[in-house]
Amino acid sequence: MTDGGLTGADRVRADASARGLDVEIIVRPPARSLEEAAELLGITPGEIVKSLVVKRSDDTYVFALVPGGRKISWPKLRGLLGVNKLQLPDASLALAATGYERGTITPLGSTNAWPVVVDATIPGRRVSMGAGEHGRSLWVDADDLIRAFDATVADITDPE
């Protein structure tokens, strides 16, 4: 429990509702990998979107939404954001920046409203992503998610 007794999934639901965003949160068995999570959900790894918290040198953050099977292209993301240095923070900094543990991170219900950058391969489909707590996944229409956050859509990844 966090934030006044709300669970991570409660925070996700409340934020989605406030944004007029339709999400479906499901309970799923624990997964040890993206591939295992995809198998449990009956989808391909590319249909799972990882919410990565990226730290800028000024100690501000950005959510980078990256589909399974792809990884951040640091030169592309630095160019898009107009910065020389970015990094993935350690787990404690990611938790402090979002209120979520790694593996559960989502921009929905984050304790800080960081900008959202969505990889160009994501629009136009329904995707699964973290739901604020372990053992849960959410389903959302990617285009609706992009609109709800006024997210930037750009080519920010390369194949893994």
C-alpha atoms as a PDB file:
ATOM      1  CA  MET A   1       0.000   0.000   0.000  1.00  0.00           C
ATOM      2  CA  THR A   2       1.140   3.510  -0.799  1.00  0.00           C
ATOM      3  CA  ASP A   3      -0.275   7.022  -1.050  1.00  0.00           C
ATOM      4  CA  GLY A   4      -3.072   7.070   1.495  1.00  0.00           C
ATOM      5  CA  GLY A   5      -3.738   3.351   1.335  1.00  0.00           C
ATOM      6  CA  LEU A   6      -4.147   3.157  -2.438  1.00  0.00           C
ATOM      7  CA  THR A   7      -2.515   0.217  -4.176  1.00  0.00           C
ATOM      8  CA  GLY A   8      -0.562   0.753  -7.373  1.00  0.00           C
ATOM      9  CA  ALA A   9      -3.476  -0.594  -9.411  1.00  0.00           C
ATOM     10  CA  ASP A  10      -5.837   1.805  -7.577  1.00  0.00           C
ATOM     11  CA  ARG A  11      -3.593   4.725  -8.566  1.00  0.00           C
ATOM     12  CA  VAL A  12      -3.544   3.493 -12.177  1.00  0.00           C
ATOM     13  CA  ARG A  13      -7.353   3.210 -12.279  1.00  0.00           C
ATOM     14  CA  ALA A  14      -7.872   6.635 -10.699  1.00  0.00           C
ATOM     15  CA  ASP A  15      -5.467   8.362 -13.106  1.00  0.00           C
ATOM     16  CA  ALA A  16      -6.937   6.563 -16.136  1.00  0.00           C
ATOM     17  CA  SER A  17     -10.434   7.577 -15.064  1.00  0.00           C
ATOM     18  CA  ALA A  18      -9.375  11.211 -14.563  1.00  0.00           C
ATOM     19  CA  ARG A  19      -7.920  11.186 -18.092  1.00  0.00           C
ATOM     20  CA  GLY A  20     -11.021   9.537 -19.600  1.00  0.00           C
ATOM     21  CA  LEU A  21      -8.851   6.564 -20.563  1.00  0.00           C
ATOM     22  CA  ASP A  22     -10.342   3.082 -20.713  1.00  0.00           C
ATOM     23  CA  VAL A  23      -7.992   0.480 -19.210  1.00  0.00           C
ATOM     24  CA  GLU A  24      -8.495  -3.138 -18.270  1.00  0.00           C
ATOM     25  CA  ILE A  25      -6.364  -4.426 -15.385  1.00  0.00           C
ATOM     26  CA  ILE A  26      -5.963  -8.172 -15.086  1.00  0.00           C
ATOM     27  CA  VAL A  27      -4.321 -10.417 -12.514  1.00  0.00           C
ATOM     28  CA  ARG A  28      -1.677 -12.726 -13.953  1.00  0.00           C
ATOM     29  CA  PRO A  29       0.783 -15.219 -12.515  1.00  0.00           C
ATOM     30  CA  PRO A  30       4.293 -13.888 -11.836  1.00  0.00           C
ATOM     31  CA  ALA A  31       6.617 -13.893 -14.841  1.00  0.00           C
ATOM     32  CA  ARG A  32      10.401 -14.089 -14.783  1.00  0.00           C
ATOM     33  CA  SER A  33      10.832 -12.491 -18.203  1.00  0.00           C
ATOM     34  CA  LEU A  34       9.058 -10.474 -20.859  1.00  0.00           C
ATOM     35  CA  GLU A  35       8.726 -13.616 -22.979  1.00  0.00           C
ATOM     36  CA  GLU A  36       7.150 -15.517 -20.095  1.00  0.00           C
ATOM     37  CA  ALA A  37       4.734 -12.653 -19.419  1.00  0.00           C
ATOM     38  CA  ALA A  38       3.733 -12.616 -23.095  1.00  0.00           C
ATOM     39  CA  GLU A  39       3.150 -16.368 -23.036  1.00  0.00           C
ATOM     40  CA  LEU A  40       0.981 -16.064 -19.906  1.00  0.00           C
ATOM     41  CA  LEU A  41      -1.066 -13.319 -21.594  1.00  0.00           C
ATOM     42  CA  GLY A  42      -1.346 -15.210 -24.884  1.00  0.00           C
ATOM     43  CA  ILE A  43       0.327 -12.450 -26.896  1.00  0.00           C
ATOM     44  CA  THR A  44       3.659 -11.726 -28.556  1.00  0.00           C
ATOM     45  CA  PRO A  45       6.427  -9.927 -26.646  1.00  0.00           C
ATOM     46  CA  GLY A  46       6.003  -6.952 -29.015  1.00  0.00           C
ATOM     47  CA  GLU A  47       2.485  -6.401 -27.661  1.00  0.00           C
ATOM     48  CA  ILE A  48       3.901  -5.720 -24.198  1.00  0.00           C
ATOM     49  CA  VAL A  49       5.070  -2.145 -23.714  1.00  0.00           C
ATOM     50  CA  LYS A  50       7.822  -1.519 -21.183  1.00  0.00           C
ATOM     51  CA  SER A  51       7.617   1.813 -19.338  1.00  0.00           C
ATOM     52  CA  LEU A  52      11.223   2.820 -18.825  1.00  0.00           C
ATOM     53  CA  VAL A  53      12.137   5.741 -16.591  1.00  0.00           C
ATOM     54  CA  VAL A  54      14.988   7.704 -18.141  1.00  0.00           C
ATOM     55  CA  LYS A  55      16.951  10.219 -16.075  1.00  0.00           C
ATOM     56  CA  ARG A  56      18.272  13.453 -17.548  1.00  0.00           C
ATOM     57  CA  SER A  57      21.403  15.124 -16.176  1.00  0.00           C
ATOM     58  CA  ASP A  58      19.254  17.806 -14.472  1.00  0.00           C
ATOM     59  CA  ASP A  59      17.595  15.086 -12.331  1.00  0.00           C
ATOM     60  CA  THR A  60      14.328  15.228 -14.249  1.00  0.00           C
ATOM     61  CA  TYR A  61      12.870  12.152 -15.884  1.00  0.00           C
ATOM     62  CA  VAL A  62      11.021  11.003 -18.983  1.00  0.00           C
ATOM     63  CA  PHE A  63       8.907   7.900 -19.503  1.00  0.00           C
ATOM     64  CA  ALA A  64      10.074   6.028 -22.610  1.00  0.00           C
ATOM     65  CA  LEU A  65       7.492   3.494 -23.779  1.00  0.00           C
ATOM     66  CA  VAL A  66       9.261   0.680 -25.611  1.00  0.00           C
ATOM     67  CA  PRO A  67       7.697  -2.485 -27.065  1.00  0.00           C
ATOM     68  CA  GLY A  68       9.050  -5.906 -26.188  1.00  0.00           C
ATOM     69  CA  GLY A  69      11.781  -7.055 -28.544  1.00  0.00           C
ATOM     70  CA  ARG A  70      13.109  -3.513 -28.908  1.00  0.00           C
ATOM     71  CA  LYS A  71      15.523  -1.405 -26.855  1.00  0.00           C
ATOM     72  CA  ILE A  72      16.094   2.308 -26.432  1.00  0.00           C
ATOM     73  CA  SER A  73      18.359   3.826 -29.068  1.00  0.00           C
ATOM     74  CA  TRP A  74      20.273   6.250 -26.871  1.00  0.00           C
ATOM     75  CA  PRO A  75      21.440   8.459 -29.789  1.00  0.00           C
ATOM     76  CA  LYS A  76      17.866   8.756 -31.091  1.00  0.00           C
ATOM     77  CA  LEU A  77      16.398   9.555 -27.667  1.00  0.00           C
ATOM     78  CA  ARG A  78      19.158  12.065 -26.824  1.00  0.00           C
ATOM     79  CA  GLY A  79      18.579  13.770 -30.189  1.00  0.00           C
ATOM     80  CA  LEU A  80      14.817  13.926 -29.661  1.00  0.00           C
ATOM     81  CA  LEU A  81      15.197  15.396 -26.159  1.00  0.00           C
ATOM     82  CA  GLY A  82      18.074  17.697 -27.129  1.00  0.00           C
ATOM     83  CA  VAL A  83      20.389  16.454 -24.395  1.00  0.00           C
ATOM     84  CA  ASN A  84      23.899  14.985 -24.302  1.00  0.00           C
ATOM     85  CA  LYS A  85      23.401  12.556 -21.437  1.00  0.00           C
ATOM     86  CA  LEU A  86      20.634  10.169 -20.373  1.00  0.00           C
ATOM     87  CA  GLN A  87      20.670   7.100 -18.160  1.00  0.00           C
ATOM     88  CA  LEU A  88      18.452   4.442 -16.678  1.00  0.00           C
ATOM     89  CA  PRO A  89      18.401   5.190 -12.938  1.00  0.00           C
ATOM     90  CA  ASP A  90      18.873   2.487 -10.350  1.00  0.00           C
ATOM     91  CA  ALA A  91      15.784   0.845  -8.870  1.00  0.00           C
ATOM     92  CA  SER A  92      15.610   3.152  -5.841  1.00  0.00           C
ATOM     93  CA  LEU A  93      15.693   6.312  -7.977  1.00  0.00           C
ATOM     94  CA  ALA A  94      13.066   4.890 -10.348  1.00  0.00           C
ATOM     95  CA  LEU A  95      10.832   4.140  -7.345  1.00  0.00           C
ATOM     96  CA  ALA A  96      11.362   7.655  -5.956  1.00  0.00           C
ATOM     97  CA  ALA A  97      10.608   9.219  -9.358  1.00  0.00           C
ATOM     98  CA  THR A  98       7.392   7.238 -10.020  1.00  0.00           C
ATOM     99  CA  GLY A  99       6.169   5.596  -6.819  1.00  0.00           C
ATOM    100  CA  TYR A 100       6.377   2.231  -8.605  1.00  0.00           C
ATOM    101  CA  GLU A 101       8.842  -0.641  -8.349  1.00  0.00           C
ATOM    102  CA  ARG A 102      10.636  -1.834 -11.460  1.00  0.00           C
ATOM    103  CA  GLY A 103       8.466  -4.268 -13.384  1.00  0.00           C
ATOM    104  CA  THR A 104       5.303  -2.386 -12.405  1.00  0.00           C
ATOM    105  CA  ILE A 105       6.119   1.101 -13.734  1.00  0.00           C
ATOM    106  CA  THR A 106       3.557   2.947 -15.832  1.00  0.00           C
ATOM    107  CA  PRO A 107       2.985   6.654 -16.449  1.00  0.00           C
ATOM    108  CA  LEU A 108      -0.577   6.114 -15.149  1.00  0.00           C
ATOM    109  CA  GLY A 109      -0.742   7.061 -11.485  1.00  0.00           C
ATOM    110  CA  SER A 110       2.923   7.971 -11.280  1.00  0.00           C
ATOM    111  CA  THR A 111       3.686  10.161  -8.285  1.00  0.00           C
ATOM    112  CA  ASN A 112       5.310  12.609 -10.736  1.00  0.00           C
ATOM    113  CA  ALA A 113       3.866  13.584 -14.115  1.00  0.00           C
ATOM    114  CA  TRP A 114       6.954  13.181 -16.275  1.00  0.00           C
ATOM    115  CA  PRO A 115       6.753  13.667 -20.060  1.00  0.00           C
ATOM    116  CA  VAL A 116       5.956  10.526 -22.067  1.00  0.00           C
ATOM    117  CA  VAL A 117       7.768   9.494 -25.256  1.00  0.00           C
ATOM    118  CA  VAL A 118       6.263   6.588 -27.191  1.00  0.00           C
ATOM    119  CA  ASP A 119       8.186   4.570 -29.760  1.00  0.00           C
ATOM    120  CA  ALA A 120       6.805   4.958 -33.289  1.00  0.00           C
ATOM    121  CA  THR A 121       6.104   1.200 -33.522  1.00  0.00           C
ATOM    122  CA  ILE A 122       3.432   1.337 -30.776  1.00  0.00           C
ATOM    123  CA  PRO A 123       0.508   3.396 -32.191  1.00  0.00           C
ATOM    124  CA  GLY A 124      -2.435   1.689 -33.853  1.00  0.00           C
ATOM    125  CA  ARG A 125      -2.844  -1.319 -31.574  1.00  0.00           C
ATOM    126  CA  ARG A 126      -3.986  -2.528 -28.185  1.00  0.00           C
ATOM    127  CA  VAL A 127      -1.077  -3.143 -25.841  1.00  0.00           C
ATOM    128  CA  SER A 128      -0.349  -4.561 -22.418  1.00  0.00           C
ATOM    129  CA  MET A 129       1.837  -2.800 -19.885  1.00  0.00           C
ATOM    130  CA  GLY A 130       2.642  -2.553 -16.196  1.00  0.00           C
ATOM    131  CA  ALA A 131      -0.282  -1.818 -13.887  1.00  0.00           C
ATOM    132  CA  GLY A 132       1.399  -0.427 -10.795  1.00  0.00           C
ATOM    133  CA  GLU A 133       1.854  -3.698  -8.917  1.00  0.00           C
ATOM    134  CA  HIS A 134       3.471  -7.068  -9.416  1.00  0.00           C
ATOM    135  CA  GLY A 135       1.173  -9.786 -10.792  1.00  0.00           C
ATOM    136  CA  ARG A 136      -1.018  -7.355 -12.719  1.00  0.00           C
ATOM    137  CA  SER A 137      -1.036  -6.125 -16.291  1.00  0.00           C
ATOM    138  CA  LEU A 138      -3.157  -3.534 -17.977  1.00  0.00           C
ATOM    139  CA  TRP A 139      -4.596  -3.438 -21.470  1.00  0.00           C
ATOM    140  CA  VAL A 140      -5.068  -0.132 -23.243  1.00  0.00           C
ATOM    141  CA  ASP A 141      -5.548   1.221 -26.749  1.00  0.00           C
ATOM    142  CA  ALA A 142      -2.156   2.745 -27.573  1.00  0.00           C
ATOM    143  CA  ASP A 143      -3.634   5.681 -29.502  1.00  0.00           C
ATOM    144  CA  ASP A 144      -5.903   6.572 -26.562  1.00  0.00           C
ATOM    145  CA  LEU A 145      -2.928   6.353 -24.180  1.00  0.00           C
ATOM    146  CA  ILE A 146      -0.888   8.655 -26.424  1.00  0.00           C
ATOM    147  CA  ARG A 147      -3.725  11.211 -26.516  1.00  0.00           C
ATOM    148  CA  ALA A 148      -4.322  10.986 -22.737  1.00  0.00           C
ATOM    149  CA  PHE A 149      -0.704  11.969 -22.048  1.00  0.00           C
ATOM    150  CA  ASP A 150      -0.213  14.243 -25.075  1.00  0.00           C
ATOM    151  CA  ALA A 151       2.777  11.965 -25.601  1.00  0.00           C
ATOM    152  CA  THR A 152       5.492  12.491 -28.164  1.00  0.00           C
ATOM    153  CA  VAL A 153       5.614   9.676 -30.733  1.00  0.00           C
ATOM    154  CA  ALA A 154       9.039   9.152 -32.304  1.00  0.00           C
ATOM    155  CA  ASP A 155      11.502   6.536 -33.497  1.00  0.00           C
ATOM    156  CA  ILE A 156      13.429   5.973 -30.253  1.00  0.00           C
ATOM    157  CA  THR A 157      14.252   2.245 -30.440  1.00  0.00           C
ATOM    158  CA  ASP A 158      16.270  -0.398 -32.249  1.00  0.00           C
ATOM    159  CA  PRO A 159      15.619  -4.156 -32.415  1.00  0.00           C
ATOM    160  CA  GLU A 160      17.089  -6.098 -29.480  1.00  0.00           C
END
